[in-house]
Amino acid sequence: MSRQELVELLDDLRQRVADGASLEGNLVFRHTACVNDTDHYDVAATYRTSRRGVRMVGIKGGEAA
């Protein structure tokens, strides 16, 4: 995931928490500069987007990391 995509994910998560739509979740990210020279992050995130909705990123079956 690019830095810009990570920032957009963080903005979405922050907004959902601020709106009271997300009461639980987790986010783990790691810059891969030690592995390659590109601006890339490995990301795994799962968080509530509403009472019944969940967003998964970087998890099998979820969005690409």
PDB file of N, CA and C in Angstrom:
ATOM      1  N   MET A   1       0.859  -1.167   0.000  1.00  0.00           N
ATOM      2  CA  MET A   1       0.000   0.000   0.000  1.00  0.00           C
ATOM      3  C   MET A   1       0.908   1.234   0.000  1.00  0.00           C
ATOM      4  N   SER A   2       0.561   2.214  -0.774  1.00  0.00           N
ATOM      5  CA  SER A   2       1.352   3.445  -0.822  1.00  0.00           C
ATOM      6  C   SER A   2       1.103   4.284   0.437  1.00  0.00           C
ATOM      7  N   ARG A   3       1.978   5.264   0.662  1.00  0.00           N
ATOM      8  CA  ARG A   3       1.809   6.165   1.804  1.00  0.00           C
ATOM      9  C   ARG A   3       0.468   6.901   1.705  1.00  0.00           C
ATOM     10  N   GLN A   4       0.114   7.356   0.510  1.00  0.00           N
ATOM     11  CA  GLN A   4      -1.152   8.082   0.333  1.00  0.00           C
ATOM     12  C   GLN A   4      -2.349   7.178   0.652  1.00  0.00           C
ATOM     13  N   GLU A   5      -2.308   5.934   0.207  1.00  0.00           N
ATOM     14  CA  GLU A   5      -3.401   4.997   0.514  1.00  0.00           C
ATOM     15  C   GLU A   5      -3.503   4.734   2.019  1.00  0.00           C
ATOM     16  N   LEU A   6      -2.356   4.646   2.692  1.00  0.00           N
ATOM     17  CA  LEU A   6      -2.367   4.464   4.148  1.00  0.00           C
ATOM     18  C   LEU A   6      -2.971   5.678   4.843  1.00  0.00           C
ATOM     19  N   VAL A   7      -2.599   6.864   4.401  1.00  0.00           N
ATOM     20  CA  VAL A   7      -3.165   8.091   4.985  1.00  0.00           C
ATOM     21  C   VAL A   7      -4.689   8.124   4.784  1.00  0.00           C
ATOM     22  N   GLU A   8      -5.160   7.728   3.609  1.00  0.00           N
ATOM     23  CA  GLU A   8      -6.607   7.692   3.347  1.00  0.00           C
ATOM     24  C   GLU A   8      -7.297   6.671   4.247  1.00  0.00           C
ATOM     25  N   LEU A   9      -6.668   5.527   4.472  1.00  0.00           N
ATOM     26  CA  LEU A   9      -7.214   4.525   5.383  1.00  0.00           C
ATOM     27  C   LEU A   9      -7.284   5.075   6.806  1.00  0.00           C
ATOM     28  N   LEU A  10      -6.226   5.731   7.257  1.00  0.00           N
ATOM     29  CA  LEU A  10      -6.214   6.335   8.588  1.00  0.00           C
ATOM     30  C   LEU A  10      -7.299   7.401   8.721  1.00  0.00           C
ATOM     31  N   ASP A  11      -7.473   8.216   7.688  1.00  0.00           N
ATOM     32  CA  ASP A  11      -8.523   9.247   7.703  1.00  0.00           C
ATOM     33  C   ASP A  11      -9.905   8.610   7.818  1.00  0.00           C
ATOM     34  N   ASP A  12     -10.141   7.518   7.067  1.00  0.00           N
ATOM     35  CA  ASP A  12     -11.431   6.839   7.119  1.00  0.00           C
ATOM     36  C   ASP A  12     -11.681   6.255   8.504  1.00  0.00           C
ATOM     37  N   LEU A  13     -10.677   5.599   9.056  1.00  0.00           N
ATOM     38  CA  LEU A  13     -10.817   5.012  10.386  1.00  0.00           C
ATOM     39  C   LEU A  13     -11.068   6.094  11.434  1.00  0.00           C
ATOM     40  N   ARG A  14     -10.320   7.173  11.370  1.00  0.00           N
ATOM     41  CA  ARG A  14     -10.489   8.283  12.313  1.00  0.00           C
ATOM     42  C   ARG A  14     -11.892   8.875  12.240  1.00  0.00           C
ATOM     43  N   GLN A  15     -12.383   9.072  11.015  1.00  0.00           N
ATOM     44  CA  GLN A  15     -13.708   9.654  10.843  1.00  0.00           C
ATOM     45  C   GLN A  15     -14.793   8.733  11.390  1.00  0.00           C
ATOM     46  N   ARG A  16     -14.671   7.446  11.161  1.00  0.00           N
ATOM     47  CA  ARG A  16     -15.676   6.496  11.658  1.00  0.00           C
ATOM     48  C   ARG A  16     -15.683   6.439  13.181  1.00  0.00           C
ATOM     49  N   VAL A  17     -14.511   6.531  13.808  1.00  0.00           N
ATOM     50  CA  VAL A  17     -14.449   6.574  15.267  1.00  0.00           C
ATOM     51  C   VAL A  17     -15.062   7.887  15.761  1.00  0.00           C
ATOM     52  N   ALA A  18     -14.732   8.994  15.114  1.00  0.00           N
ATOM     53  CA  ALA A  18     -15.272  10.296  15.509  1.00  0.00           C
ATOM     54  C   ALA A  18     -16.792  10.343  15.393  1.00  0.00           C
ATOM     55  N   ASP A  19     -17.343   9.659  14.363  1.00  0.00           N
ATOM     56  CA  ASP A  19     -18.793   9.626  14.160  1.00  0.00           C
ATOM     57  C   ASP A  19     -19.501   8.631  15.070  1.00  0.00           C
ATOM     58  N   GLY A  20     -18.734   7.819  15.792  1.00  0.00           N
ATOM     59  CA  GLY A  20     -19.330   6.808  16.653  1.00  0.00           C
ATOM     60  C   GLY A  20     -19.744   5.551  15.910  1.00  0.00           C
ATOM     61  N   ALA A  21     -19.324   5.408  14.648  1.00  0.00           N
ATOM     62  CA  ALA A  21     -19.711   4.260  13.829  1.00  0.00           C
ATOM     63  C   ALA A  21     -18.784   3.064  14.054  1.00  0.00           C
ATOM     64  N   SER A  22     -17.596   3.310  14.585  1.00  0.00           N
ATOM     65  CA  SER A  22     -16.642   2.226  14.796  1.00  0.00           C
ATOM     66  C   SER A  22     -16.225   2.197  16.255  1.00  0.00           C
ATOM     67  N   LEU A  23     -16.608   1.132  16.936  1.00  0.00           N
ATOM     68  CA  LEU A  23     -16.283   0.997  18.356  1.00  0.00           C
ATOM     69  C   LEU A  23     -15.192  -0.030  18.607  1.00  0.00           C
ATOM     70  N   GLU A  24     -14.725  -0.672  17.539  1.00  0.00           N
ATOM     71  CA  GLU A  24     -13.644  -1.641  17.687  1.00  0.00           C
ATOM     72  C   GLU A  24     -12.919  -1.806  16.367  1.00  0.00           C
ATOM     73  N   GLY A  25     -11.679  -2.210  16.456  1.00  0.00           N
ATOM     74  CA  GLY A  25     -10.900  -2.465  15.264  1.00  0.00           C
ATOM     75  C   GLY A  25      -9.422  -2.589  15.589  1.00  0.00           C
ATOM     76  N   ASN A  26      -8.646  -2.891  14.567  1.00  0.00           N
ATOM     77  CA  ASN A  26      -7.199  -2.940  14.751  1.00  0.00           C
ATOM     78  C   ASN A  26      -6.525  -2.561  13.443  1.00  0.00           C
ATOM     79  N   LEU A  27      -5.317  -2.059  13.578  1.00  0.00           N
ATOM     80  CA  LEU A  27      -4.538  -1.620  12.429  1.00  0.00           C
ATOM     81  C   LEU A  27      -3.066  -1.867  12.724  1.00  0.00           C
ATOM     82  N   VAL A  28      -2.401  -2.546  11.811  1.00  0.00           N
ATOM     83  CA  VAL A  28      -0.962  -2.779  11.917  1.00  0.00           C
ATOM     84  C   VAL A  28      -0.355  -2.401  10.577  1.00  0.00           C
ATOM     85  N   PHE A  29       0.718  -1.604  10.604  1.00  0.00           N
ATOM     86  CA  PHE A  29       1.391  -1.264   9.357  1.00  0.00           C
ATOM     87  C   PHE A  29       2.892  -1.221   9.577  1.00  0.00           C
ATOM     88  N   ARG A  30       3.610  -1.500   8.493  1.00  0.00           N
ATOM     89  CA  ARG A  30       5.071  -1.531   8.552  1.00  0.00           C
ATOM     90  C   ARG A  30       5.616  -1.057   7.214  1.00  0.00           C
ATOM     91  N   HIS A  31       6.488  -0.084   7.275  1.00  0.00           N
ATOM     92  CA  HIS A  31       7.139   0.396   6.064  1.00  0.00           C
ATOM     93  C   HIS A  31       8.148  -0.653   5.625  1.00  0.00           C
ATOM     94  N   THR A  32       8.192  -0.940   4.342  1.00  0.00           N
ATOM     95  CA  THR A  32       9.032  -2.030   3.845  1.00  0.00           C
ATOM     96  C   THR A  32      10.381  -1.561   3.308  1.00  0.00           C
ATOM     97  N   ALA A  33      10.845  -0.395   3.702  1.00  0.00           N
ATOM     98  CA  ALA A  33      12.116   0.133   3.202  1.00  0.00           C
ATOM     99  C   ALA A  33      13.272  -0.808   3.500  1.00  0.00           C
ATOM    100  N   CYS A  34      13.161  -1.566   4.575  1.00  0.00           N
ATOM    101  CA  CYS A  34      14.246  -2.493   4.889  1.00  0.00           C
ATOM    102  C   CYS A  34      14.259  -3.675   3.919  1.00  0.00           C
ATOM    103  N   VAL A  35      13.168  -3.868   3.182  1.00  0.00           N
ATOM    104  CA  VAL A  35      13.067  -4.978   2.238  1.00  0.00           C
ATOM    105  C   VAL A  35      13.310  -4.511   0.806  1.00  0.00           C
ATOM    106  N   ASN A  36      12.798  -3.328   0.474  1.00  0.00           N
ATOM    107  CA  ASN A  36      12.983  -2.794  -0.881  1.00  0.00           C
ATOM    108  C   ASN A  36      13.038  -1.272  -0.825  1.00  0.00           C
ATOM    109  N   ASP A  37      13.303  -0.644  -1.949  1.00  0.00           N
ATOM    110  CA  ASP A  37      13.476   0.811  -1.991  1.00  0.00           C
ATOM    111  C   ASP A  37      12.205   1.576  -2.319  1.00  0.00           C
ATOM    112  N   THR A  38      11.101   0.901  -2.513  1.00  0.00           N
ATOM    113  CA  THR A  38       9.873   1.603  -2.877  1.00  0.00           C
ATOM    114  C   THR A  38       9.155   2.115  -1.636  1.00  0.00           C
ATOM    115  N   ASP A  39       8.304   3.097  -1.828  1.00  0.00           N
ATOM    116  CA  ASP A  39       7.504   3.658  -0.734  1.00  0.00           C
ATOM    117  C   ASP A  39       6.270   2.785  -0.570  1.00  0.00           C
ATOM    118  N   HIS A  40       6.408   1.726   0.178  1.00  0.00           N
ATOM    119  CA  HIS A  40       5.344   0.735   0.310  1.00  0.00           C
ATOM    120  C   HIS A  40       5.181   0.341   1.775  1.00  0.00           C
ATOM    121  N   TYR A  41       3.933   0.103   2.164  1.00  0.00           N
ATOM    122  CA  TYR A  41       3.627  -0.342   3.520  1.00  0.00           C
ATOM    123  C   TYR A  41       2.869  -1.663   3.462  1.00  0.00           C
ATOM    124  N   ASP A  42       3.259  -2.587   4.321  1.00  0.00           N
ATOM    125  CA  ASP A  42       2.443  -3.776   4.549  1.00  0.00           C
ATOM    126  C   ASP A  42       1.400  -3.369   5.583  1.00  0.00           C
ATOM    127  N   VAL A  43       0.135  -3.639   5.279  1.00  0.00           N
ATOM    128  CA  VAL A  43      -0.961  -3.186   6.145  1.00  0.00           C
ATOM    129  C   VAL A  43      -1.923  -4.334   6.404  1.00  0.00           C
ATOM    130  N   ALA A  44      -2.375  -4.430   7.647  1.00  0.00           N
ATOM    131  CA  ALA A  44      -3.457  -5.339   8.015  1.00  0.00           C
ATOM    132  C   ALA A  44      -4.393  -4.548   8.919  1.00  0.00           C
ATOM    133  N   ALA A  45      -5.649  -4.428   8.509  1.00  0.00           N
ATOM    134  CA  ALA A  45      -6.609  -3.656   9.295  1.00  0.00           C
ATOM    135  C   ALA A  45      -7.985  -4.308   9.227  1.00  0.00           C
ATOM    136  N   THR A  46      -8.673  -4.259  10.334  1.00  0.00           N
ATOM    137  CA  THR A  46     -10.068  -4.675  10.409  1.00  0.00           C
ATOM    138  C   THR A  46     -10.752  -3.695  11.351  1.00  0.00           C
ATOM    139  N   TYR A  47     -11.842  -3.075  10.887  1.00  0.00           N
ATOM    140  CA  TYR A  47     -12.574  -2.178  11.779  1.00  0.00           C
ATOM    141  C   TYR A  47     -14.025  -2.053  11.340  1.00  0.00           C
ATOM    142  N   ARG A  48     -14.853  -1.730  12.301  1.00  0.00           N
ATOM    143  CA  ARG A  48     -16.274  -1.559  12.035  1.00  0.00           C
ATOM    144  C   ARG A  48     -16.494  -0.264  11.271  1.00  0.00           C
ATOM    145  N   THR A  49     -17.391  -0.340  10.267  1.00  0.00           N
ATOM    146  CA  THR A  49     -17.762   0.853   9.510  1.00  0.00           C
ATOM    147  C   THR A  49     -19.185   1.277   9.850  1.00  0.00           C
ATOM    148  N   SER A  50     -19.923   0.384  10.479  1.00  0.00           N
ATOM    149  CA  SER A  50     -21.287   0.640  10.934  1.00  0.00           C
ATOM    150  C   SER A  50     -21.657  -0.495  11.878  1.00  0.00           C
ATOM    151  N   ARG A  51     -22.893  -0.519  12.302  1.00  0.00           N
ATOM    152  CA  ARG A  51     -23.319  -1.565  13.232  1.00  0.00           C
ATOM    153  C   ARG A  51     -23.118  -2.965  12.656  1.00  0.00           C
ATOM    154  N   ARG A  52     -23.330  -3.111  11.354  1.00  0.00           N
ATOM    155  CA  ARG A  52     -23.179  -4.424  10.715  1.00  0.00           C
ATOM    156  C   ARG A  52     -22.035  -4.501   9.710  1.00  0.00           C
ATOM    157  N   GLY A  53     -21.424  -3.384   9.390  1.00  0.00           N
ATOM    158  CA  GLY A  53     -20.381  -3.368   8.376  1.00  0.00           C
ATOM    159  C   GLY A  53     -18.978  -3.475   8.956  1.00  0.00           C
ATOM    160  N   VAL A  54     -18.106  -4.129   8.208  1.00  0.00           N
ATOM    161  CA  VAL A  54     -16.706  -4.284   8.597  1.00  0.00           C
ATOM    162  C   VAL A  54     -15.833  -4.041   7.376  1.00  0.00           C
ATOM    163  N   ARG A  55     -14.747  -3.328   7.563  1.00  0.00           N
ATOM    164  CA  ARG A  55     -13.768  -3.139   6.493  1.00  0.00           C
ATOM    165  C   ARG A  55     -12.524  -3.951   6.846  1.00  0.00           C
ATOM    166  N   MET A  56     -12.067  -4.743   5.886  1.00  0.00           N
ATOM    167  CA  MET A  56     -10.855  -5.530   6.062  1.00  0.00           C
ATOM    168  C   MET A  56      -9.870  -5.133   4.975  1.00  0.00           C
ATOM    169  N   VAL A  57      -8.647  -4.865   5.361  1.00  0.00           N
ATOM    170  CA  VAL A  57      -7.602  -4.468   4.425  1.00  0.00           C
ATOM    171  C   VAL A  57      -6.373  -5.331   4.680  1.00  0.00           C
ATOM    172  N   GLY A  58      -5.815  -5.883   3.610  1.00  0.00           N
ATOM    173  CA  GLY A  58      -4.604  -6.668   3.742  1.00  0.00           C
ATOM    174  C   GLY A  58      -4.811  -8.022   4.378  1.00  0.00           C
ATOM    175  N   ILE A  59      -6.050  -8.456   4.440  1.00  0.00           N
ATOM    176  CA  ILE A  59      -6.405  -9.733   5.027  1.00  0.00           C
ATOM    177  C   ILE A  59      -7.018 -10.572   3.925  1.00  0.00           C
ATOM    178  N   LYS A  60      -6.693 -11.834   3.877  1.00  0.00           N
ATOM    179  CA  LYS A  60      -7.205 -12.693   2.800  1.00  0.00           C
ATOM    180  C   LYS A  60      -8.714 -12.481   2.639  1.00  0.00           C
ATOM    181  N   GLY A  61      -9.101 -12.174   1.420  1.00  0.00           N
ATOM    182  CA  GLY A  61     -10.510 -11.894   1.140  1.00  0.00           C
ATOM    183  C   GLY A  61     -10.867 -10.423   1.227  1.00  0.00           C
ATOM    184  N   GLY A  62      -9.945  -9.607   1.746  1.00  0.00           N
ATOM    185  CA  GLY A  62     -10.185  -8.162   1.860  1.00  0.00           C
ATOM    186  C   GLY A  62      -9.498  -7.408   0.752  1.00  0.00           C
ATOM    187  N   GLU A  63      -9.366  -6.119   0.927  1.00  0.00           N
ATOM    188  CA  GLU A  63      -8.722  -5.271  -0.063  1.00  0.00           C
ATOM    189  C   GLU A  63      -7.231  -5.583  -0.127  1.00  0.00           C
ATOM    190  N   ALA A  64      -6.638  -5.285  -1.249  1.00  0.00           N
ATOM    191  CA  ALA A  64      -5.196  -5.510  -1.411  1.00  0.00           C
ATOM    192  C   ALA A  64      -4.418  -4.578  -0.517  1.00  0.00           C
ATOM    193  N   ALA A  65      -3.337  -5.090   0.024  1.00  0.00           N
ATOM    194  CA  ALA A  65      -2.480  -4.241   0.863  1.00  0.00           C
ATOM    195  C   ALA A  65      -1.413  -3.692  -0.014  1.00  0.00           C
TER     196      ALA A  65
END
